[in-house]
Amino acid sequence: MSGILNIVFMTMMYGVGMPILFPIAAFNFMNQYIAERIIVSYNVPLPPALDDKLTKNMIALLYYAPLLMLFNGYWMLSNPEIF
């Protein structure tokens, strides 16, 4: 969970200035999904029984990522020293 949040926020924060981060993040999500599925299928006898509180908390945190992208992206695109 924390790895997903970290990748999403870093990609949204710096993605406007470095667009290569978007395909790198997509590859990372795909790789992480496949690796976790393999680990769960071979090493964990039963997946843990979790309620939806963890998912709701993560979605609540992810609402701030596009807002961060808008503010930081505007600053990156309006700053003439970067380009």
N, C-alpha and C. Protein backbone atom coordinates (compact mmCIF):
# COMPACT_ATOMS: atom_id res chain seq x y z
N MET A 1 0.81 -1.19 0.00
CA MET A 1 0.00 0.00 0.00
C MET A 1 0.86 1.26 0.00
N SER A 2 1.86 1.29 0.87
CA SER A 2 2.68 2.50 0.95
C SER A 2 3.50 2.70 -0.32
N GLY A 3 3.91 1.61 -0.96
CA GLY A 3 4.64 1.74 -2.21
C GLY A 3 3.78 2.33 -3.31
N ILE A 4 2.52 1.94 -3.36
CA ILE A 4 1.60 2.48 -4.35
C ILE A 4 1.39 3.98 -4.12
N LEU A 5 1.15 4.35 -2.86
CA LEU A 5 0.96 5.76 -2.55
C LEU A 5 2.20 6.58 -2.89
N ASN A 6 3.36 6.05 -2.59
CA ASN A 6 4.60 6.76 -2.89
C ASN A 6 4.77 6.97 -4.38
N ILE A 7 4.57 5.93 -5.17
CA ILE A 7 4.73 6.05 -6.62
C ILE A 7 3.69 7.01 -7.20
N VAL A 8 2.44 6.93 -6.75
CA VAL A 8 1.40 7.82 -7.27
C VAL A 8 1.72 9.28 -6.96
N PHE A 9 2.08 9.57 -5.73
CA PHE A 9 2.33 10.95 -5.36
C PHE A 9 3.59 11.51 -6.03
N MET A 10 4.63 10.72 -6.14
CA MET A 10 5.84 11.20 -6.81
C MET A 10 5.62 11.39 -8.30
N THR A 11 4.84 10.50 -8.91
CA THR A 11 4.54 10.63 -10.33
C THR A 11 3.66 11.85 -10.59
N MET A 12 2.68 12.05 -9.74
CA MET A 12 1.81 13.21 -9.93
C MET A 12 2.54 14.52 -9.63
N MET A 13 3.45 14.49 -8.69
CA MET A 13 4.13 15.73 -8.31
C MET A 13 5.13 16.17 -9.37
N TYR A 14 5.88 15.24 -9.94
CA TYR A 14 6.95 15.60 -10.87
C TYR A 14 6.66 15.16 -12.30
N GLY A 15 5.49 14.57 -12.57
CA GLY A 15 5.18 14.03 -13.89
C GLY A 15 5.04 15.08 -14.97
N VAL A 16 4.60 16.27 -14.63
CA VAL A 16 4.46 17.32 -15.63
C VAL A 16 5.82 17.76 -16.13
N GLY A 17 6.80 17.81 -15.25
CA GLY A 17 8.14 18.21 -15.65
C GLY A 17 8.94 17.09 -16.28
N MET A 18 8.65 15.85 -15.87
CA MET A 18 9.35 14.68 -16.43
C MET A 18 8.31 13.65 -16.84
N PRO A 19 7.77 13.75 -18.05
CA PRO A 19 6.68 12.87 -18.47
C PRO A 19 7.06 11.39 -18.54
N ILE A 20 8.33 11.06 -18.53
CA ILE A 20 8.76 9.66 -18.56
C ILE A 20 8.31 8.93 -17.29
N LEU A 21 7.97 9.68 -16.25
CA LEU A 21 7.53 9.05 -15.00
C LEU A 21 6.20 8.31 -15.15
N PHE A 22 5.34 8.74 -16.06
CA PHE A 22 4.04 8.08 -16.22
C PHE A 22 4.18 6.65 -16.73
N PRO A 23 4.95 6.38 -17.80
CA PRO A 23 5.12 4.97 -18.19
C PRO A 23 5.93 4.16 -17.17
N ILE A 24 6.87 4.80 -16.50
CA ILE A 24 7.63 4.09 -15.46
C ILE A 24 6.69 3.68 -14.32
N ALA A 25 5.79 4.56 -13.93
CA ALA A 25 4.84 4.23 -12.87
C ALA A 25 3.89 3.13 -13.31
N ALA A 26 3.44 3.18 -14.56
CA ALA A 26 2.55 2.12 -15.06
C ALA A 26 3.26 0.77 -15.06
N PHE A 27 4.53 0.75 -15.47
CA PHE A 27 5.30 -0.49 -15.44
C PHE A 27 5.49 -0.97 -14.00
N ASN A 28 5.73 -0.05 -13.09
CA ASN A 28 5.91 -0.41 -11.69
C ASN A 28 4.62 -1.02 -11.12
N PHE A 29 3.47 -0.44 -11.44
CA PHE A 29 2.20 -0.98 -10.94
C PHE A 29 1.96 -2.38 -11.49
N MET A 30 2.23 -2.57 -12.77
CA MET A 30 2.05 -3.89 -13.37
C MET A 30 2.99 -4.92 -12.73
N ASN A 31 4.25 -4.53 -12.56
CA ASN A 31 5.24 -5.42 -11.96
C ASN A 31 4.87 -5.75 -10.52
N GLN A 32 4.45 -4.77 -9.77
CA GLN A 32 4.08 -4.99 -8.37
C GLN A 32 2.84 -5.88 -8.27
N TYR A 33 1.88 -5.70 -9.16
CA TYR A 33 0.67 -6.53 -9.15
C TYR A 33 1.02 -7.99 -9.43
N ILE A 34 1.83 -8.22 -10.45
CA ILE A 34 2.21 -9.60 -10.80
C ILE A 34 3.01 -10.24 -9.67
N ALA A 35 3.97 -9.51 -9.12
CA ALA A 35 4.80 -10.06 -8.04
C ALA A 35 3.97 -10.39 -6.81
N GLU A 36 3.04 -9.52 -6.45
CA GLU A 36 2.21 -9.80 -5.28
C GLU A 36 1.27 -10.97 -5.51
N ARG A 37 0.76 -11.12 -6.73
CA ARG A 37 -0.09 -12.28 -7.04
C ARG A 37 0.69 -13.58 -6.94
N ILE A 38 1.91 -13.58 -7.43
CA ILE A 38 2.75 -14.78 -7.35
C ILE A 38 3.07 -15.11 -5.90
N ILE A 39 3.43 -14.10 -5.12
CA ILE A 39 3.76 -14.33 -3.72
C ILE A 39 2.56 -14.87 -2.96
N VAL A 40 1.39 -14.29 -3.19
CA VAL A 40 0.19 -14.74 -2.48
C VAL A 40 -0.19 -16.16 -2.90
N SER A 41 -0.05 -16.47 -4.18
CA SER A 41 -0.48 -17.80 -4.63
C SER A 41 0.46 -18.91 -4.16
N TYR A 42 1.73 -18.62 -3.97
CA TYR A 42 2.67 -19.67 -3.58
C TYR A 42 3.00 -19.70 -2.09
N ASN A 43 2.96 -18.58 -1.42
CA ASN A 43 3.46 -18.54 -0.05
C ASN A 43 2.39 -18.36 1.03
N VAL A 44 1.26 -17.82 0.70
CA VAL A 44 0.24 -17.53 1.71
C VAL A 44 -0.89 -18.54 1.59
N PRO A 45 -1.16 -19.32 2.63
CA PRO A 45 -2.23 -20.33 2.53
C PRO A 45 -3.61 -19.70 2.37
N LEU A 46 -3.92 -18.69 3.17
CA LEU A 46 -5.19 -17.98 3.06
C LEU A 46 -4.91 -16.48 3.12
N PRO A 47 -5.49 -15.72 2.23
CA PRO A 47 -5.28 -14.27 2.32
C PRO A 47 -5.93 -13.72 3.58
N PRO A 48 -5.38 -12.66 4.14
CA PRO A 48 -5.95 -12.12 5.37
C PRO A 48 -7.34 -11.54 5.12
N ALA A 49 -8.18 -11.69 6.10
CA ALA A 49 -9.53 -11.16 6.01
C ALA A 49 -9.51 -9.71 6.47
N LEU A 50 -9.58 -8.80 5.52
CA LEU A 50 -9.55 -7.37 5.83
C LEU A 50 -10.90 -6.75 5.48
N ASP A 51 -11.26 -5.74 6.24
CA ASP A 51 -12.48 -5.02 5.88
C ASP A 51 -12.15 -3.92 4.87
N ASP A 52 -13.09 -3.09 4.57
CA ASP A 52 -12.88 -2.08 3.55
C ASP A 52 -12.31 -0.77 4.09
N LYS A 53 -11.93 -0.74 5.37
CA LYS A 53 -11.41 0.49 5.96
C LYS A 53 -10.07 0.88 5.33
N LEU A 54 -9.20 -0.08 5.08
CA LEU A 54 -7.90 0.20 4.47
C LEU A 54 -8.07 0.76 3.06
N THR A 55 -8.98 0.20 2.30
CA THR A 55 -9.22 0.68 0.94
C THR A 55 -9.81 2.08 0.95
N LYS A 56 -10.74 2.33 1.83
CA LYS A 56 -11.35 3.66 1.92
C LYS A 56 -10.34 4.71 2.35
N ASN A 57 -9.44 4.37 3.27
CA ASN A 57 -8.40 5.31 3.69
C ASN A 57 -7.44 5.62 2.54
N MET A 58 -7.09 4.61 1.77
CA MET A 58 -6.18 4.83 0.65
C MET A 58 -6.83 5.70 -0.42
N ILE A 59 -8.08 5.45 -0.73
CA ILE A 59 -8.78 6.27 -1.72
C ILE A 59 -8.92 7.71 -1.22
N ALA A 60 -9.15 7.88 0.07
CA ALA A 60 -9.23 9.23 0.62
C ALA A 60 -7.90 9.97 0.47
N LEU A 61 -6.79 9.26 0.64
CA LEU A 61 -5.48 9.89 0.45
C LEU A 61 -5.20 10.18 -1.02
N LEU A 62 -5.67 9.33 -1.91
CA LEU A 62 -5.40 9.50 -3.32
C LEU A 62 -6.18 10.65 -3.94
N TYR A 63 -7.18 11.18 -3.25
CA TYR A 63 -7.89 12.34 -3.77
C TYR A 63 -6.98 13.57 -3.86
N TYR A 64 -5.92 13.62 -3.06
CA TYR A 64 -5.04 14.78 -3.03
C TYR A 64 -3.98 14.74 -4.13
N ALA A 65 -3.75 13.60 -4.76
CA ALA A 65 -2.71 13.49 -5.78
C ALA A 65 -2.98 14.36 -7.01
N PRO A 66 -4.19 14.36 -7.60
CA PRO A 66 -4.41 15.26 -8.75
C PRO A 66 -4.32 16.73 -8.39
N LEU A 67 -4.73 17.08 -7.18
CA LEU A 67 -4.60 18.47 -6.73
C LEU A 67 -3.13 18.88 -6.65
N LEU A 68 -2.32 17.98 -6.13
CA LEU A 68 -0.89 18.23 -6.07
C LEU A 68 -0.31 18.36 -7.48
N MET A 69 -0.79 17.54 -8.41
CA MET A 69 -0.32 17.61 -9.79
C MET A 69 -0.70 18.95 -10.43
N LEU A 70 -1.89 19.44 -10.16
CA LEU A 70 -2.31 20.71 -10.73
C LEU A 70 -1.45 21.87 -10.23
N PHE A 71 -1.25 21.94 -8.92
CA PHE A 71 -0.48 23.06 -8.37
C PHE A 71 0.99 23.00 -8.77
N ASN A 72 1.60 21.84 -8.61
CA ASN A 72 3.02 21.72 -8.94
C ASN A 72 3.23 21.77 -10.46
N GLY A 73 2.31 21.23 -11.25
CA GLY A 73 2.41 21.30 -12.70
C GLY A 73 2.28 22.72 -13.20
N TYR A 74 1.38 23.50 -12.62
CA TYR A 74 1.26 24.90 -12.99
C TYR A 74 2.55 25.65 -12.68
N TRP A 75 3.14 25.37 -11.52
CA TRP A 75 4.38 26.04 -11.15
C TRP A 75 5.50 25.64 -12.11
N MET A 76 5.58 24.36 -12.48
CA MET A 76 6.62 23.92 -13.39
C MET A 76 6.47 24.54 -14.78
N LEU A 77 5.24 24.60 -15.27
CA LEU A 77 5.03 25.12 -16.61
C LEU A 77 5.10 26.63 -16.69
N SER A 78 4.87 27.32 -15.58
CA SER A 78 4.92 28.77 -15.59
C SER A 78 6.30 29.33 -15.23
N ASN A 79 7.21 28.47 -14.79
CA ASN A 79 8.54 28.92 -14.42
C ASN A 79 9.44 28.88 -15.66
N PRO A 80 9.91 30.03 -16.15
CA PRO A 80 10.72 30.02 -17.38
C PRO A 80 12.14 29.47 -17.18
N GLU A 81 12.60 29.36 -15.96
CA GLU A 81 13.96 28.89 -15.71
C GLU A 81 14.11 27.39 -15.93
N ILE A 82 13.01 26.65 -15.86
CA ILE A 82 13.09 25.20 -16.01
C ILE A 82 13.32 24.82 -17.46
N PHE A 83 12.62 25.46 -18.37
CA PHE A 83 12.74 25.11 -19.77
C PHE A 83 13.70 26.05 -20.42
